[in-house]
C-alpha atoms as a PDB file:
ATOM      1  CA  MET A   1       0.000   0.000   0.000  1.00  0.00           C
ATOM      2  CA  SER A   2       1.271   3.475  -0.863  1.00  0.00           C
ATOM      3  CA  GLY A   3       2.221   5.931   1.837  1.00  0.00           C
ATOM      4  CA  GLY A   4       0.370   9.071   2.823  1.00  0.00           C
ATOM      5  CA  PHE A   5       0.839  12.614   1.596  1.00  0.00           C
ATOM      6  CA  THR A   6       2.591  15.272   3.633  1.00  0.00           C
ATOM      7  CA  ARG A   7       0.870  18.551   4.413  1.00  0.00           C
ATOM      8  CA  ASP A   8       3.339  20.471   2.260  1.00  0.00           C
ATOM      9  CA  GLU A   9       2.537  18.276  -0.743  1.00  0.00           C
ATOM     10  CA  LEU A  10      -1.155  19.180  -0.418  1.00  0.00           C
ATOM     11  CA  ALA A  11      -0.626  22.907   0.229  1.00  0.00           C
ATOM     12  CA  ILE A  12      -0.923  23.858  -3.447  1.00  0.00           C
ATOM     13  CA  ASP A  13      -3.436  25.553  -5.729  1.00  0.00           C
ATOM     14  CA  PRO A  14      -6.712  23.569  -5.879  1.00  0.00           C
ATOM     15  CA  LEU A  15      -6.378  23.150  -9.655  1.00  0.00           C
ATOM     16  CA  ASP A  16      -2.997  21.456  -9.256  1.00  0.00           C
ATOM     17  CA  LEU A  17      -4.230  19.499  -6.248  1.00  0.00           C
ATOM     18  CA  ALA A  18      -7.239  18.218  -8.193  1.00  0.00           C
ATOM     19  CA  VAL A  19      -5.031  16.632 -10.851  1.00  0.00           C
ATOM     20  CA  MET A  20      -2.638  15.264  -8.242  1.00  0.00           C
ATOM     21  CA  LEU A  21      -5.482  13.574  -6.356  1.00  0.00           C
ATOM     22  CA  LEU A  22      -6.552  11.505  -9.359  1.00  0.00           C
ATOM     23  CA  GLY A  23      -5.316   7.989  -8.687  1.00  0.00           C
ATOM     24  CA  SER A  24      -4.769   8.634  -4.990  1.00  0.00           C
ATOM     25  CA  GLU A  25      -6.689   6.576  -2.441  1.00  0.00           C
ATOM     26  CA  LEU A  26      -8.917   7.505   0.454  1.00  0.00           C
ATOM     27  CA  GLU A  27      -8.897   4.924   3.235  1.00  0.00           C
ATOM     28  CA  SER A  28     -11.608   5.028   5.887  1.00  0.00           C
ATOM     29  CA  VAL A  29     -11.988   2.883   8.982  1.00  0.00           C
ATOM     30  CA  ALA A  30     -15.008   4.887  10.109  1.00  0.00           C
ATOM     31  CA  GLY A  31     -17.887   2.665  11.178  1.00  0.00           C
ATOM     32  CA  GLU A  32     -17.921  -1.099  10.786  1.00  0.00           C
ATOM     33  CA  GLY A  33     -14.590  -1.611   9.038  1.00  0.00           C
ATOM     34  CA  PRO A  34     -12.068  -0.434   6.440  1.00  0.00           C
ATOM     35  CA  VAL A  35     -12.979   0.692   2.942  1.00  0.00           C
ATOM     36  CA  ARG A  36     -10.400   2.072   0.535  1.00  0.00           C
ATOM     37  CA  ALA A  37     -11.263   3.794  -2.733  1.00  0.00           C
ATOM     38  CA  ARG A  38      -9.188   5.089  -5.651  1.00  0.00           C
ATOM     39  CA  ILE A  39     -10.200   8.627  -6.615  1.00  0.00           C
ATOM     40  CA  VAL A  40     -11.139   9.019 -10.285  1.00  0.00           C
ATOM     41  CA  GLU A  41     -13.188  12.244 -10.415  1.00  0.00           C
ATOM     42  CA  VAL A  42     -12.776  15.562  -8.597  1.00  0.00           C
ATOM     43  CA  GLU A  43     -13.719  19.241  -8.777  1.00  0.00           C
ATOM     44  CA  ALA A  44     -11.501  22.168  -7.794  1.00  0.00           C
ATOM     45  CA  TYR A  45     -12.835  25.107  -5.781  1.00  0.00           C
ATOM     46  CA  ARG A  46     -10.749  28.153  -5.067  1.00  0.00           C
ATOM     47  CA  GLY A  47     -11.530  30.853  -2.517  1.00  0.00           C
ATOM     48  CA  LEU A  48     -12.472  34.498  -2.749  1.00  0.00           C
ATOM     49  CA  ASP A  49     -12.041  34.563  -6.543  1.00  0.00           C
ATOM     50  CA  ASP A  50     -14.361  31.594  -7.190  1.00  0.00           C
ATOM     51  CA  PRO A  51     -18.104  32.440  -6.970  1.00  0.00           C
ATOM     52  CA  ALA A  52     -18.981  28.737  -6.879  1.00  0.00           C
ATOM     53  CA  SER A  53     -16.874  28.144  -3.762  1.00  0.00           C
ATOM     54  CA  HIS A  54     -18.313  27.946  -0.254  1.00  0.00           C
ATOM     55  CA  SER A  55     -15.630  30.385   0.857  1.00  0.00           C
ATOM     56  CA  TYR A  56     -16.417  33.039  -1.770  1.00  0.00           C
ATOM     57  CA  ARG A  57     -18.291  35.310   0.649  1.00  0.00           C
ATOM     58  CA  GLY A  58     -15.825  34.910   3.479  1.00  0.00           C
ATOM     59  CA  ARG A  59     -15.109  32.729   6.468  1.00  0.00           C
ATOM     60  CA  THR A  60     -18.022  31.187   8.379  1.00  0.00           C
ATOM     61  CA  PRO A  61     -18.416  28.388  10.940  1.00  0.00           C
ATOM     62  CA  ARG A  62     -19.566  26.106   8.123  1.00  0.00           C
ATOM     63  CA  ASN A  63     -16.602  26.644   5.793  1.00  0.00           C
ATOM     64  CA  ASP A  64     -13.921  27.239   8.430  1.00  0.00           C
ATOM     65  CA  VAL A  65     -12.020  24.057   7.544  1.00  0.00           C
ATOM     66  CA  MET A  66     -11.584  25.293   3.949  1.00  0.00           C
ATOM     67  CA  TRP A  67      -9.221  27.985   5.211  1.00  0.00           C
ATOM     68  CA  GLY A  68      -6.545  25.488   6.157  1.00  0.00           C
ATOM     69  CA  PRO A  69      -4.215  24.111   7.043  1.00  0.00           C
ATOM     70  CA  ALA A  70      -3.995  21.857   3.991  1.00  0.00           C
ATOM     71  CA  GLY A  71      -4.594  18.146   4.272  1.00  0.00           C
ATOM     72  CA  HIS A  72      -7.795  18.276   6.283  1.00  0.00           C
ATOM     73  CA  LEU A  73     -11.146  16.783   5.336  1.00  0.00           C
ATOM     74  CA  TYR A  74     -13.946  19.266   4.677  1.00  0.00           C
ATOM     75  CA  VAL A  75     -17.334  17.525   4.980  1.00  0.00           C
ATOM     76  CA  TYR A  76     -20.555  19.430   4.390  1.00  0.00           C
ATOM     77  CA  PHE A  77     -24.267  18.629   4.311  1.00  0.00           C
ATOM     78  CA  VAL A  78     -26.170  19.426   1.124  1.00  0.00           C
ATOM     79  CA  TYR A  79     -29.837  19.370   0.050  1.00  0.00           C
ATOM     80  CA  GLY A  80     -30.796  18.399   3.587  1.00  0.00           C
ATOM     81  CA  MET A  81     -29.888  14.772   2.945  1.00  0.00           C
ATOM     82  CA  HIS A  82     -26.337  14.165   1.669  1.00  0.00           C
ATOM     83  CA  PHE A  83     -22.739  14.600   2.809  1.00  0.00           C
ATOM     84  CA  CYS A  84     -19.905  15.544   0.453  1.00  0.00           C
ATOM     85  CA  ALA A  85     -16.175  15.315   1.182  1.00  0.00           C
ATOM     86  CA  ASN A  86     -13.325  17.585   0.108  1.00  0.00           C
ATOM     87  CA  VAL A  87      -9.558  17.670   0.528  1.00  0.00           C
ATOM     88  CA  VAL A  88      -8.348  21.093   1.683  1.00  0.00           C
ATOM     89  CA  GLY A  89      -5.402  22.592  -0.191  1.00  0.00           C
ATOM     90  CA  THR A  90      -3.554  25.936  -0.461  1.00  0.00           C
ATOM     91  CA  ARG A  91      -1.551  27.652   2.258  1.00  0.00           C
ATOM     92  CA  ASP A  92      -2.941  28.105   5.770  1.00  0.00           C
ATOM     93  CA  GLY A  93      -5.342  31.068   5.780  1.00  0.00           C
ATOM     94  CA  GLU A  94      -6.084  30.903   2.034  1.00  0.00           C
ATOM     95  CA  PRO A  95      -9.303  28.999   1.306  1.00  0.00           C
ATOM     96  CA  GLY A  96      -9.497  26.269  -1.299  1.00  0.00           C
ATOM     97  CA  ALA A  97     -10.483  22.624  -1.569  1.00  0.00           C
ATOM     98  CA  VAL A  98     -11.094  19.761  -3.984  1.00  0.00           C
ATOM     99  CA  LEU A  99     -14.431  17.953  -3.983  1.00  0.00           C
ATOM    100  CA  LEU A 100     -14.161  14.171  -4.270  1.00  0.00           C
ATOM    101  CA  ARG A 101     -16.779  13.210  -6.851  1.00  0.00           C
ATOM    102  CA  ALA A 102     -16.179   9.538  -7.623  1.00  0.00           C
ATOM    103  CA  ALA A 103     -13.894   6.624  -6.814  1.00  0.00           C
ATOM    104  CA  GLU A 104     -13.314   2.941  -7.467  1.00  0.00           C
ATOM    105  CA  VAL A 105     -13.494   0.700  -4.397  1.00  0.00           C
ATOM    106  CA  VAL A 106     -10.234  -1.254  -4.118  1.00  0.00           C
ATOM    107  CA  GLU A 107     -10.614  -2.691  -0.604  1.00  0.00           C
ATOM    108  CA  GLY A 108     -13.621  -3.488   1.565  1.00  0.00           C
ATOM    109  CA  ALA A 109     -16.045  -4.165  -1.291  1.00  0.00           C
ATOM    110  CA  PRO A 110     -18.426  -6.321   0.827  1.00  0.00           C
ATOM    111  CA  LEU A 111     -18.912  -3.486   3.329  1.00  0.00           C
ATOM    112  CA  ALA A 112     -19.214  -0.944   0.518  1.00  0.00           C
ATOM    113  CA  LYS A 113     -21.917  -3.059  -1.099  1.00  0.00           C
ATOM    114  CA  ALA A 114     -23.732  -3.413   2.227  1.00  0.00           C
ATOM    115  CA  ARG A 115     -23.792   0.372   2.501  1.00  0.00           C
ATOM    116  CA  ARG A 116     -24.927   0.665  -1.133  1.00  0.00           C
ATOM    117  CA  PRO A 117     -27.196  -2.369  -1.661  1.00  0.00           C
ATOM    118  CA  LYS A 118     -28.869  -0.846  -4.736  1.00  0.00           C
ATOM    119  CA  ALA A 119     -25.602  -0.251  -6.602  1.00  0.00           C
ATOM    120  CA  ARG A 120     -25.634  -1.747 -10.109  1.00  0.00           C
ATOM    121  CA  GLY A 121     -22.213  -3.370 -10.234  1.00  0.00           C
ATOM    122  CA  ASP A 122     -18.855  -2.555  -8.718  1.00  0.00           C
ATOM    123  CA  GLY A 123     -18.255   0.399 -11.035  1.00  0.00           C
ATOM    124  CA  SER A 124     -21.154   2.378  -9.579  1.00  0.00           C
ATOM    125  CA  LEU A 125     -20.398   1.656  -5.913  1.00  0.00           C
ATOM    126  CA  ALA A 126     -18.830   5.083  -5.340  1.00  0.00           C
ATOM    127  CA  GLY A 127     -19.857   6.942  -8.503  1.00  0.00           C
ATOM    128  CA  GLY A 128     -20.976  10.288  -7.114  1.00  0.00           C
ATOM    129  CA  PRO A 129     -19.961  12.619  -4.247  1.00  0.00           C
ATOM    130  CA  ALA A 130     -22.787  11.682  -1.856  1.00  0.00           C
ATOM    131  CA  ILE A 131     -22.471   7.986  -2.757  1.00  0.00           C
ATOM    132  CA  LEU A 132     -18.733   8.132  -2.117  1.00  0.00           C
ATOM    133  CA  THR A 133     -19.210   9.429   1.428  1.00  0.00           C
ATOM    134  CA  THR A 134     -21.858   6.769   2.077  1.00  0.00           C
ATOM    135  CA  VAL A 135     -19.542   3.969   0.955  1.00  0.00           C
ATOM    136  CA  LEU A 136     -16.700   5.321   3.107  1.00  0.00           C
ATOM    137  CA  GLY A 137     -18.974   5.860   6.128  1.00  0.00           C
ATOM    138  CA  LEU A 138     -18.275   9.603   6.291  1.00  0.00           C
ATOM    139  CA  GLY A 139     -20.508  12.150   7.991  1.00  0.00           C
ATOM    140  CA  ARG A 140     -20.503  15.466   9.801  1.00  0.00           C
ATOM    141  CA  GLU A 141     -18.432  14.040  12.658  1.00  0.00           C
ATOM    142  CA  HIS A 142     -15.484  13.587  10.281  1.00  0.00           C
ATOM    143  CA  ASN A 143     -15.315  17.232   9.234  1.00  0.00           C
ATOM    144  CA  GLY A 144     -11.853  18.613   9.998  1.00  0.00           C
ATOM    145  CA  LEU A 145     -10.024  15.279  10.243  1.00  0.00           C
ATOM    146  CA  ASP A 146      -6.335  15.448   9.399  1.00  0.00           C
ATOM    147  CA  LEU A 147      -5.850  13.196   6.378  1.00  0.00           C
ATOM    148  CA  THR A 148      -2.056  13.301   6.818  1.00  0.00           C
ATOM    149  CA  ASP A 149      -2.127  11.910  10.367  1.00  0.00           C
ATOM    150  CA  PRO A 150      -1.237   8.170  10.445  1.00  0.00           C
ATOM    151  CA  ALA A 151      -3.614   7.770  13.404  1.00  0.00           C
ATOM    152  CA  SER A 152      -6.592   9.366  11.626  1.00  0.00           C
ATOM    153  CA  PRO A 153      -9.600   7.101  10.869  1.00  0.00           C
ATOM    154  CA  VAL A 154      -9.609   8.588   7.364  1.00  0.00           C
ATOM    155  CA  ARG A 155      -6.323   8.885   5.445  1.00  0.00           C
ATOM    156  CA  LEU A 156      -5.274  10.054   2.010  1.00  0.00           C
ATOM    157  CA  LEU A 157      -2.735   7.738   0.348  1.00  0.00           C
ATOM    158  CA  ALA A 158      -0.600   8.512  -2.681  1.00  0.00           C
ATOM    159  CA  GLY A 159      -1.756   5.597  -4.835  1.00  0.00           C
ATOM    160  CA  GLU A 160      -0.642   5.212  -8.448  1.00  0.00           C
ATOM    161  CA  ARG A 161      -0.220   8.402 -10.488  1.00  0.00           C
ATOM    162  CA  VAL A 162      -2.562   8.711 -13.479  1.00  0.00           C
ATOM    163  CA  ASP A 163      -0.923   9.294 -16.876  1.00  0.00           C
ATOM    164  CA  ALA A 164      -1.551  12.825 -18.133  1.00  0.00           C
ATOM    165  CA  ASP A 165      -3.103  11.581 -21.379  1.00  0.00           C
ATOM    166  CA  ARG A 166      -5.920   9.924 -19.388  1.00  0.00           C
ATOM    167  CA  VAL A 167      -6.929  13.090 -17.515  1.00  0.00           C
ATOM    168  CA  ARG A 168     -10.000  14.875 -18.885  1.00  0.00           C
ATOM    169  CA  THR A 169     -11.527  18.213 -17.880  1.00  0.00           C
ATOM    170  CA  GLY A 170     -14.968  19.779 -18.097  1.00  0.00           C
ATOM    171  CA  PRO A 171     -17.529  22.011 -16.336  1.00  0.00           C
ATOM    172  CA  ARG A 172     -18.334  21.504 -12.681  1.00  0.00           C
ATOM    173  CA  VAL A 173     -21.646  19.906 -11.726  1.00  0.00           C
ATOM    174  CA  GLY A 174     -24.575  21.402  -9.818  1.00  0.00           C
ATOM    175  CA  VAL A 175     -23.149  24.885  -9.277  1.00  0.00           C
ATOM    176  CA  ALA A 176     -25.201  28.062  -9.680  1.00  0.00           C
ATOM    177  CA  ALA A 177     -22.219  30.282 -10.545  1.00  0.00           C
ATOM    178  CA  ALA A 178     -19.190  29.888 -12.834  1.00  0.00           C
ATOM    179  CA  MET A 179     -20.966  26.921 -14.428  1.00  0.00           C
ATOM    180  CA  GLU A 180     -18.753  26.722 -17.512  1.00  0.00           C
ATOM    181  CA  VAL A 181     -15.420  26.818 -15.694  1.00  0.00           C
ATOM    182  CA  PRO A 182     -13.659  23.531 -16.633  1.00  0.00           C
ATOM    183  CA  TRP A 183     -12.467  22.665 -13.143  1.00  0.00           C
ATOM    184  CA  ARG A 184     -13.836  19.127 -13.025  1.00  0.00           C
ATOM    185  CA  PHE A 185     -11.166  16.493 -13.676  1.00  0.00           C
ATOM    186  CA  TRP A 186     -11.604  12.767 -14.230  1.00  0.00           C
ATOM    187  CA  VAL A 187      -9.811   9.609 -15.321  1.00  0.00           C
ATOM    188  CA  ASP A 188     -10.859   8.691 -18.844  1.00  0.00           C
ATOM    189  CA  GLY A 189     -12.306   5.199 -19.091  1.00  0.00           C
ATOM    190  CA  SER A 190     -13.126   4.700 -15.414  1.00  0.00           C
ATOM    191  CA  PRO A 191     -16.606   3.166 -14.935  1.00  0.00           C
ATOM    192  CA  ALA A 192     -17.043   5.106 -11.702  1.00  0.00           C
ATOM    193  CA  VAL A 193     -16.968   8.568 -13.304  1.00  0.00           C
ATOM    194  CA  SER A 194     -20.389  10.187 -12.997  1.00  0.00           C
ATOM    195  CA  ALA A 195     -22.398  11.304 -16.035  1.00  0.00           C
ATOM    196  CA  TYR A 196     -22.412  15.080 -16.479  1.00  0.00           C
ATOM    197  CA  ARG A 197     -25.779  16.741 -15.924  1.00  0.00           C
ATOM    198  CA  ARG A 198     -26.418  20.405 -16.598  1.00  0.00           C
ATOM    199  CA  GLY A 199     -29.854  21.724 -15.742  1.00  0.00           C
ATOM    200  CA  GLY A 200     -31.030  18.208 -14.925  1.00  0.00           C
ATOM    201  CA  LYS A 201     -30.255  16.854 -18.407  1.00  0.00           C
ATOM    202  CA  ARG A 202     -27.717  14.135 -19.084  1.00  0.00           C
ATOM    203  CA  SER A 203     -24.868  15.352 -21.282  1.00  0.00           C
ATOM    204  CA  PRO A 204     -21.604  13.879 -22.575  1.00  0.00           C
ATOM    205  CA  ARG A 205     -18.736  13.867 -20.115  1.00  0.00           C
END
């Protein structure tokens, strides 16, 4: 198994961090047992210059983790029913994070399937940001966890780097501002990558 990232490695611009996270692995021992998933789709969110970012209007109790230090897990509740997970980047005091949109389960598949009994095949087990947190057992109580700490119940591992020619980019999903900014990144050919929907309609990735 690959080793973890250092905080300095993650303290970079969210756009660079997003690409670097493709192929990395998130390991969670939260709940009933370990599940490890290889990240294949992400979205970058900057700070005060990104109107789609939670931190765009300034620091609040909700988005406090986004302001650093890098390497922490930012978990938020959305639509009154789902949790989404982000990896915080940039330097301490400068907000920015990368949303984890989809992953391939590489360890703990039986538990992942128990958490997602309606999943249609292994490829869709963690194919979406809210589905990913469900499979990994993540919730509000994990907000702020240090992903670089070897003792943390949720860790970010380096994994296998994705070749540059397999990285694709496109618009972010479900944002009300800066909709056309191509800050979504994914691994071409992965069955876990979610289908792009703009305005509720299914579109090509």
